[in-house]
PDB file of all heavy atoms in Angstrom:
ATOM      1  N   GLY A   1       0.775  -1.234   0.000  1.00  0.00           N
ATOM      2  CA  GLY A   1       0.000   0.000   0.000  1.00  0.00           C
ATOM      3  C   GLY A   1       0.805   1.282   0.000  1.00  0.00           C
ATOM      4  O   GLY A   1       0.251   2.355   0.278  1.00  0.00           O
ATOM      5  N   VAL A   2       2.108   1.217  -0.320  1.00  0.00           N
ATOM      6  CA  VAL A   2       2.946   2.420  -0.383  1.00  0.00           C
ATOM      7  C   VAL A   2       3.041   2.876  -1.842  1.00  0.00           C
ATOM      8  O   VAL A   2       3.549   2.123  -2.681  1.00  0.00           O
ATOM      9  CB  VAL A   2       4.366   2.142   0.161  1.00  0.00           C
ATOM     10  CG1 VAL A   2       5.220   3.399   0.075  1.00  0.00           C
ATOM     11  CG2 VAL A   2       4.297   1.622   1.587  1.00  0.00           C
ATOM     12  N   PRO A   3       2.532   4.068  -2.176  1.00  0.00           N
ATOM     13  CA  PRO A   3       2.615   4.524  -3.571  1.00  0.00           C
ATOM     14  C   PRO A   3       4.074   4.647  -4.027  1.00  0.00           C
ATOM     15  O   PRO A   3       4.960   4.997  -3.242  1.00  0.00           O
ATOM     16  CB  PRO A   3       1.935   5.898  -3.539  1.00  0.00           C
ATOM     17  CG  PRO A   3       1.102   5.901  -2.301  1.00  0.00           C
ATOM     18  CD  PRO A   3       1.840   5.049  -1.314  1.00  0.00           C
ATOM     19  N   PHE A   4       4.305   4.354  -5.304  1.00  0.00           N
ATOM     20  CA  PHE A   4       5.651   4.416  -5.874  1.00  0.00           C
ATOM     21  C   PHE A   4       5.591   5.171  -7.193  1.00  0.00           C
ATOM     22  O   PHE A   4       4.669   4.962  -7.990  1.00  0.00           O
ATOM     23  CB  PHE A   4       6.186   2.995  -6.108  1.00  0.00           C
ATOM     24  CG  PHE A   4       7.608   2.957  -6.603  1.00  0.00           C
ATOM     25  CD1 PHE A   4       8.671   3.036  -5.715  1.00  0.00           C
ATOM     26  CD2 PHE A   4       7.889   2.857  -7.967  1.00  0.00           C
ATOM     27  CE1 PHE A   4       9.984   2.999  -6.164  1.00  0.00           C
ATOM     28  CE2 PHE A   4       9.196   2.819  -8.428  1.00  0.00           C
ATOM     29  CZ  PHE A   4      10.249   2.891  -7.517  1.00  0.00           C
ATOM     30  N   PRO A   5       6.561   6.066  -7.441  1.00  0.00           N
ATOM     31  CA  PRO A   5       6.547   6.812  -8.712  1.00  0.00           C
ATOM     32  C   PRO A   5       6.807   5.882  -9.899  1.00  0.00           C
ATOM     33  O   PRO A   5       7.905   5.363 -10.044  1.00  0.00           O
ATOM     34  CB  PRO A   5       7.714   7.811  -8.546  1.00  0.00           C
ATOM     35  CG  PRO A   5       8.015   7.856  -7.088  1.00  0.00           C
ATOM     36  CD  PRO A   5       7.674   6.498  -6.567  1.00  0.00           C
ATOM     37  N   LYS A   6       5.793   5.682 -10.733  1.00  0.00           N
ATOM     38  CA  LYS A   6       5.985   4.761 -11.858  1.00  0.00           C
ATOM     39  C   LYS A   6       5.179   5.112 -13.099  1.00  0.00           C
ATOM     40  O   LYS A   6       5.346   4.468 -14.133  1.00  0.00           O
ATOM     41  CB  LYS A   6       5.647   3.334 -11.436  1.00  0.00           C
ATOM     42  CG  LYS A   6       4.179   3.102 -11.158  1.00  0.00           C
ATOM     43  CD  LYS A   6       3.881   1.613 -10.976  1.00  0.00           C
ATOM     44  CE  LYS A   6       2.379   1.385 -10.946  1.00  0.00           C
ATOM     45  NZ  LYS A   6       2.037  -0.035 -10.775  1.00  0.00           N
ATOM     46  N   SER A   7       4.321   6.127 -13.014  1.00  0.00           N
ATOM     47  CA  SER A   7       3.464   6.400 -14.171  1.00  0.00           C
ATOM     48  C   SER A   7       3.520   7.855 -14.642  1.00  0.00           C
ATOM     49  O   SER A   7       2.980   8.158 -15.707  1.00  0.00           O
ATOM     50  CB  SER A   7       2.014   6.039 -13.846  1.00  0.00           C
ATOM     51  OG  SER A   7       1.561   6.759 -12.716  1.00  0.00           O
ATOM     52  N   GLN A   8       4.155   8.732 -13.882  1.00  0.00           N
ATOM     53  CA  GLN A   8       4.212  10.139 -14.265  1.00  0.00           C
ATOM     54  C   GLN A   8       5.617  10.493 -14.760  1.00  0.00           C
ATOM     55  O   GLN A   8       6.588  10.369 -14.004  1.00  0.00           O
ATOM     56  CB  GLN A   8       3.866  11.040 -13.077  1.00  0.00           C
ATOM     57  CG  GLN A   8       2.478  10.834 -12.512  1.00  0.00           C
ATOM     58  CD  GLN A   8       2.140  11.867 -11.449  1.00  0.00           C
ATOM     59  OE1 GLN A   8       2.071  13.064 -11.728  1.00  0.00           O
ATOM     60  NE2 GLN A   8       1.948  11.419 -10.220  1.00  0.00           N
ATOM     61  N   PRO A   9       5.747  10.934 -16.002  1.00  0.00           N
ATOM     62  CA  PRO A   9       7.064  11.356 -16.478  1.00  0.00           C
ATOM     63  C   PRO A   9       7.548  12.586 -15.710  1.00  0.00           C
ATOM     64  O   PRO A   9       6.748  13.430 -15.303  1.00  0.00           O
ATOM     65  CB  PRO A   9       6.835  11.677 -17.956  1.00  0.00           C
ATOM     66  CG  PRO A   9       5.367  11.939 -18.070  1.00  0.00           C
ATOM     67  CD  PRO A   9       4.703  11.103 -17.038  1.00  0.00           C
ATOM     68  N   MET A  10       8.855  12.669 -15.520  1.00  0.00           N
ATOM     69  CA  MET A  10       9.441  13.753 -14.726  1.00  0.00           C
ATOM     70  C   MET A  10      10.540  14.468 -15.506  1.00  0.00           C
ATOM     71  O   MET A  10      11.289  13.826 -16.248  1.00  0.00           O
ATOM     72  CB  MET A  10      10.018  13.206 -13.416  1.00  0.00           C
ATOM     73  CG  MET A  10       8.991  12.569 -12.497  1.00  0.00           C
ATOM     74  SD  MET A  10       9.587  12.431 -10.783  1.00  0.00           S
ATOM     75  CE  MET A  10       9.979  10.688 -10.696  1.00  0.00           C
ATOM     76  N   ARG A  11      10.621  15.762 -15.299  1.00  0.00           N
ATOM     77  CA  ARG A  11      11.759  16.538 -15.796  1.00  0.00           C
ATOM     78  C   ARG A  11      12.837  16.633 -14.713  1.00  0.00           C
ATOM     79  O   ARG A  11      12.566  16.440 -13.526  1.00  0.00           O
ATOM     80  CB  ARG A  11      11.333  17.957 -16.175  1.00  0.00           C
ATOM     81  CG  ARG A  11      10.474  18.057 -17.400  1.00  0.00           C
ATOM     82  CD  ARG A  11      10.280  19.517 -17.838  1.00  0.00           C
ATOM     83  NE  ARG A  11       9.180  19.617 -18.768  1.00  0.00           N
ATOM     84  CZ  ARG A  11       9.270  19.378 -20.073  1.00  0.00           C
ATOM     85  NH1 ARG A  11      10.443  19.043 -20.602  1.00  0.00           N
ATOM     86  NH2 ARG A  11       8.214  19.474 -20.854  1.00  0.00           N
ATOM     87  N   ILE A  12      14.038  16.968 -15.150  1.00  0.00           N
ATOM     88  CA  ILE A  12      15.121  17.287 -14.234  1.00  0.00           C
ATOM     89  C   ILE A  12      15.093  18.796 -13.994  1.00  0.00           C
ATOM     90  O   ILE A  12      14.992  19.574 -14.953  1.00  0.00           O
ATOM     91  CB  ILE A  12      16.476  16.881 -14.826  1.00  0.00           C
ATOM     92  CG1 ILE A  12      16.500  15.384 -15.153  1.00  0.00           C
ATOM     93  CG2 ILE A  12      17.617  17.259 -13.891  1.00  0.00           C
ATOM     94  CD1 ILE A  12      17.600  14.986 -16.103  1.00  0.00           C
ATOM     95  N   TYR A  13      15.172  19.191 -12.743  1.00  0.00           N
ATOM     96  CA  TYR A  13      15.210  20.599 -12.376  1.00  0.00           C
ATOM     97  C   TYR A  13      16.416  20.850 -11.479  1.00  0.00           C
ATOM     98  O   TYR A  13      16.855  19.967 -10.734  1.00  0.00           O
ATOM     99  CB  TYR A  13      13.953  21.004 -11.598  1.00  0.00           C
ATOM    100  CG  TYR A  13      12.659  20.891 -12.367  1.00  0.00           C
ATOM    101  CD1 TYR A  13      11.939  19.700 -12.382  1.00  0.00           C
ATOM    102  CD2 TYR A  13      12.143  21.974 -13.064  1.00  0.00           C
ATOM    103  CE1 TYR A  13      10.743  19.584 -13.078  1.00  0.00           C
ATOM    104  CE2 TYR A  13      10.943  21.875 -13.758  1.00  0.00           C
ATOM    105  CZ  TYR A  13      10.251  20.679 -13.765  1.00  0.00           C
ATOM    106  OH  TYR A  13       9.061  20.571 -14.458  1.00  0.00           O
ATOM    107  N   SER A  14      16.926  22.058 -11.531  1.00  0.00           N
ATOM    108  CA  SER A  14      17.927  22.459 -10.552  1.00  0.00           C
ATOM    109  C   SER A  14      17.818  23.955 -10.315  1.00  0.00           C
ATOM    110  O   SER A  14      17.466  24.725 -11.220  1.00  0.00           O
ATOM    111  CB  SER A  14      19.337  22.107 -11.014  1.00  0.00           C
ATOM    112  OG  SER A  14      20.253  22.269  -9.950  1.00  0.00           O
ATOM    113  N   SER A  15      18.109  24.357  -9.082  1.00  0.00           N
ATOM    114  CA  SER A  15      18.034  25.775  -8.731  1.00  0.00           C
ATOM    115  C   SER A  15      18.974  26.075  -7.573  1.00  0.00           C
ATOM    116  O   SER A  15      19.338  25.188  -6.792  1.00  0.00           O
ATOM    117  CB  SER A  15      16.594  26.168  -8.349  1.00  0.00           C
ATOM    118  OG  SER A  15      16.120  25.368  -7.285  1.00  0.00           O
ATOM    119  N   LEU A  16      19.377  27.319  -7.495  1.00  0.00           N
ATOM    120  CA  LEU A  16      20.162  27.835  -6.371  1.00  0.00           C
ATOM    121  C   LEU A  16      19.368  29.000  -5.811  1.00  0.00           C
ATOM    122  O   LEU A  16      19.071  29.960  -6.529  1.00  0.00           O
ATOM    123  CB  LEU A  16      21.550  28.274  -6.850  1.00  0.00           C
ATOM    124  CG  LEU A  16      22.451  28.981  -5.837  1.00  0.00           C
ATOM    125  CD1 LEU A  16      22.695  28.135  -4.603  1.00  0.00           C
ATOM    126  CD2 LEU A  16      23.776  29.378  -6.498  1.00  0.00           C
ATOM    127  N   TRP A  17      18.999  28.919  -4.533  1.00  0.00           N
ATOM    128  CA  TRP A  17      18.087  29.915  -3.984  1.00  0.00           C
ATOM    129  C   TRP A  17      18.366  30.163  -2.512  1.00  0.00           C
ATOM    130  O   TRP A  17      19.068  29.400  -1.852  1.00  0.00           O
ATOM    131  CB  TRP A  17      16.632  29.502  -4.208  1.00  0.00           C
ATOM    132  CG  TRP A  17      16.280  28.105  -3.804  1.00  0.00           C
ATOM    133  CD1 TRP A  17      16.696  26.948  -4.382  1.00  0.00           C
ATOM    134  CD2 TRP A  17      15.424  27.709  -2.720  1.00  0.00           C
ATOM    135  NE1 TRP A  17      16.151  25.857  -3.738  1.00  0.00           N
ATOM    136  CE2 TRP A  17      15.369  26.282  -2.720  1.00  0.00           C
ATOM    137  CE3 TRP A  17      14.696  28.417  -1.765  1.00  0.00           C
ATOM    138  CZ2 TRP A  17      14.618  25.565  -1.800  1.00  0.00           C
ATOM    139  CZ3 TRP A  17      13.940  27.692  -0.853  1.00  0.00           C
ATOM    140  CH2 TRP A  17      13.905  26.291  -0.877  1.00  0.00           C
ATOM    141  N   ASN A  18      17.794  31.253  -2.019  1.00  0.00           N
ATOM    142  CA  ASN A  18      17.959  31.634  -0.615  1.00  0.00           C
ATOM    143  C   ASN A  18      16.851  31.004   0.222  1.00  0.00           C
ATOM    144  O   ASN A  18      15.675  31.194  -0.037  1.00  0.00           O
ATOM    145  CB  ASN A  18      17.900  33.159  -0.473  1.00  0.00           C
ATOM    146  CG  ASN A  18      17.995  33.585   0.978  1.00  0.00           C
ATOM    147  OD1 ASN A  18      18.829  33.075   1.727  1.00  0.00           O
ATOM    148  ND2 ASN A  18      17.143  34.510   1.389  1.00  0.00           N
ATOM    149  N   ALA A  19      17.260  30.215   1.233  1.00  0.00           N
ATOM    150  CA  ALA A  19      16.287  29.584   2.135  1.00  0.00           C
ATOM    151  C   ALA A  19      16.740  29.777   3.572  1.00  0.00           C
ATOM    152  O   ALA A  19      16.691  28.848   4.381  1.00  0.00           O
ATOM    153  CB  ALA A  19      16.145  28.116   1.795  1.00  0.00           C
ATOM    154  N   ASP A  20      17.181  30.998   3.882  1.00  0.00           N
ATOM    155  CA  ASP A  20      17.766  31.195   5.219  1.00  0.00           C
ATOM    156  C   ASP A  20      16.731  31.223   6.337  1.00  0.00           C
ATOM    157  O   ASP A  20      17.081  31.339   7.509  1.00  0.00           O
ATOM    158  CB  ASP A  20      18.683  32.415   5.264  1.00  0.00           C
ATOM    159  CG  ASP A  20      17.956  33.750   5.093  1.00  0.00           C
ATOM    160  OD1 ASP A  20      16.717  33.755   4.974  1.00  0.00           O
ATOM    161  OD2 ASP A  20      18.647  34.792   5.071  1.00  0.00           O
ATOM    162  N   ASP A  21      15.440  31.043   5.982  1.00  0.00           N
ATOM    163  CA  ASP A  21      14.431  30.904   7.029  1.00  0.00           C
ATOM    164  C   ASP A  21      14.409  29.483   7.610  1.00  0.00           C
ATOM    165  O   ASP A  21      13.797  29.259   8.657  1.00  0.00           O
ATOM    166  CB  ASP A  21      13.043  31.278   6.499  1.00  0.00           C
ATOM    167  CG  ASP A  21      12.635  30.481   5.265  1.00  0.00           C
ATOM    168  OD1 ASP A  21      13.529  30.015   4.532  1.00  0.00           O
ATOM    169  OD2 ASP A  21      11.428  30.325   5.034  1.00  0.00           O
ATOM    170  N   TRP A  22      15.120  28.521   6.946  1.00  0.00           N
ATOM    171  CA  TRP A  22      15.108  27.150   7.468  1.00  0.00           C
ATOM    172  C   TRP A  22      16.361  26.336   7.162  1.00  0.00           C
ATOM    173  O   TRP A  22      16.645  25.353   7.849  1.00  0.00           O
ATOM    174  CB  TRP A  22      13.910  26.363   6.920  1.00  0.00           C
ATOM    175  CG  TRP A  22      13.938  26.137   5.432  1.00  0.00           C
ATOM    176  CD1 TRP A  22      13.424  26.953   4.472  1.00  0.00           C
ATOM    177  CD2 TRP A  22      14.525  25.024   4.732  1.00  0.00           C
ATOM    178  NE1 TRP A  22      13.647  26.447   3.224  1.00  0.00           N
ATOM    179  CE2 TRP A  22      14.325  25.253   3.353  1.00  0.00           C
ATOM    180  CE3 TRP A  22      15.191  23.873   5.130  1.00  0.00           C
ATOM    181  CZ2 TRP A  22      14.763  24.374   2.360  1.00  0.00           C
ATOM    182  CZ3 TRP A  22      15.638  22.982   4.154  1.00  0.00           C
ATOM    183  CH2 TRP A  22      15.425  23.241   2.789  1.00  0.00           C
ATOM    184  N   ALA A  23      17.164  26.724   6.162  1.00  0.00           N
ATOM    185  CA  ALA A  23      18.166  25.810   5.614  1.00  0.00           C
ATOM    186  C   ALA A  23      19.313  25.497   6.572  1.00  0.00           C
ATOM    187  O   ALA A  23      19.801  24.372   6.614  1.00  0.00           O
ATOM    188  CB  ALA A  23      18.729  26.377   4.308  1.00  0.00           C
ATOM    189  N   THR A  24      19.783  26.485   7.334  1.00  0.00           N
ATOM    190  CA  THR A  24      20.971  26.289   8.168  1.00  0.00           C
ATOM    191  C   THR A  24      20.595  26.443   9.637  1.00  0.00           C
ATOM    192  O   THR A  24      20.169  27.506  10.079  1.00  0.00           O
ATOM    193  CB  THR A  24      22.072  27.293   7.785  1.00  0.00           C
ATOM    194  OG1 THR A  24      22.317  27.199   6.366  1.00  0.00           O
ATOM    195  CG2 THR A  24      23.357  26.999   8.541  1.00  0.00           C
ATOM    196  N   ARG A  25      20.733  25.325  10.361  1.00  0.00           N
ATOM    197  CA  ARG A  25      20.396  25.276  11.789  1.00  0.00           C
ATOM    198  C   ARG A  25      18.979  25.795  12.045  1.00  0.00           C
ATOM    199  O   ARG A  25      18.736  26.599  12.949  1.00  0.00           O
ATOM    200  CB  ARG A  25      21.426  26.055  12.612  1.00  0.00           C
ATOM    201  CG  ARG A  25      22.832  25.473  12.494  1.00  0.00           C
ATOM    202  CD  ARG A  25      23.819  26.166  13.386  1.00  0.00           C
ATOM    203  NE  ARG A  25      25.190  25.785  13.035  1.00  0.00           N
ATOM    204  CZ  ARG A  25      26.278  26.343  13.546  1.00  0.00           C
ATOM    205  NH1 ARG A  25      26.168  27.311  14.441  1.00  0.00           N
ATOM    206  NH2 ARG A  25      27.476  25.947  13.170  1.00  0.00           N
ATOM    207  N   GLY A  26      18.064  25.322  11.212  1.00  0.00           N
ATOM    208  CA  GLY A  26      16.660  25.664  11.395  1.00  0.00           C
ATOM    209  C   GLY A  26      16.336  27.126  11.180  1.00  0.00           C
ATOM    210  O   GLY A  26      15.302  27.613  11.632  1.00  0.00           O
ATOM    211  N   GLY A  27      17.203  27.838  10.456  1.00  0.00           N
ATOM    212  CA  GLY A  27      16.974  29.249  10.185  1.00  0.00           C
ATOM    213  C   GLY A  27      17.700  30.194  11.132  1.00  0.00           C
ATOM    214  O   GLY A  27      17.593  31.417  10.994  1.00  0.00           O
ATOM    215  N   LEU A  28      18.459  29.639  12.085  1.00  0.00           N
ATOM    216  CA  LEU A  28      19.196  30.499  13.025  1.00  0.00           C
ATOM    217  C   LEU A  28      20.325  31.257  12.341  1.00  0.00           C
ATOM    218  O   LEU A  28      20.651  32.386  12.717  1.00  0.00           O
ATOM    219  CB  LEU A  28      19.762  29.658  14.179  1.00  0.00           C
ATOM    220  CG  LEU A  28      18.747  29.048  15.138  1.00  0.00           C
ATOM    221  CD1 LEU A  28      19.443  28.162  16.162  1.00  0.00           C
ATOM    222  CD2 LEU A  28      17.949  30.146  15.850  1.00  0.00           C
ATOM    223  N   ILE A  29      20.951  30.628  11.334  1.00  0.00           N
ATOM    224  CA  ILE A  29      22.058  31.258  10.623  1.00  0.00           C
ATOM    225  C   ILE A  29      21.531  31.827   9.307  1.00  0.00           C
ATOM    226  O   ILE A  29      20.965  31.094   8.486  1.00  0.00           O
ATOM    227  CB  ILE A  29      23.189  30.243  10.331  1.00  0.00           C
ATOM    228  CG1 ILE A  29      23.596  29.512  11.606  1.00  0.00           C
ATOM    229  CG2 ILE A  29      24.389  30.946   9.696  1.00  0.00           C
ATOM    230  CD1 ILE A  29      24.167  30.388  12.685  1.00  0.00           C
ATOM    231  N   LYS A  30      21.710  33.125   9.114  1.00  0.00           N
ATOM    232  CA  LYS A  30      21.186  33.794   7.931  1.00  0.00           C
ATOM    233  C   LYS A  30      22.259  33.914   6.842  1.00  0.00           C
ATOM    234  O   LYS A  30      23.450  33.797   7.098  1.00  0.00           O
ATOM    235  CB  LYS A  30      20.668  35.189   8.307  1.00  0.00           C
ATOM    236  CG  LYS A  30      19.559  35.183   9.346  1.00  0.00           C
ATOM    237  CD  LYS A  30      18.336  34.394   8.867  1.00  0.00           C
ATOM    238  CE  LYS A  30      17.187  34.431   9.874  1.00  0.00           C
ATOM    239  NZ  LYS A  30      16.052  33.591   9.443  1.00  0.00           N
ATOM    240  N   THR A  31      21.794  34.165   5.625  1.00  0.00           N
ATOM    241  CA  THR A  31      22.702  34.342   4.496  1.00  0.00           C
ATOM    242  C   THR A  31      23.519  35.610   4.668  1.00  0.00           C
ATOM    243  O   THR A  31      22.981  36.669   5.003  1.00  0.00           O
ATOM    244  CB  THR A  31      21.895  34.412   3.182  1.00  0.00           C
ATOM    245  OG1 THR A  31      21.092  33.228   3.064  1.00  0.00           O
ATOM    246  CG2 THR A  31      22.810  34.535   1.984  1.00  0.00           C
ATOM    247  N   ASP A  32      24.821  35.523   4.463  1.00  0.00           N
ATOM    248  CA  ASP A  32      25.720  36.677   4.522  1.00  0.00           C
ATOM    249  C   ASP A  32      25.861  37.241   3.113  1.00  0.00           C
ATOM    250  O   ASP A  32      26.668  36.764   2.317  1.00  0.00           O
ATOM    251  CB  ASP A  32      27.082  36.249   5.084  1.00  0.00           C
ATOM    252  CG  ASP A  32      28.049  37.421   5.205  1.00  0.00           C
ATOM    253  OD1 ASP A  32      27.695  38.549   4.794  1.00  0.00           O
ATOM    254  OD2 ASP A  32      29.174  37.207   5.702  1.00  0.00           O
TER     255      ASP A  32
END
C-alpha cells in the first residue's frame, strides 16, 4: 500500500536559492 513513482514522467530541475528561514540550523544562521 505504499505509492511508488511509476506512471508520471518527470523533468530534471535544478536551482540555487535563498532559504535562510530554514536551511541552516533551522533558520538560526542567515545568508551573509
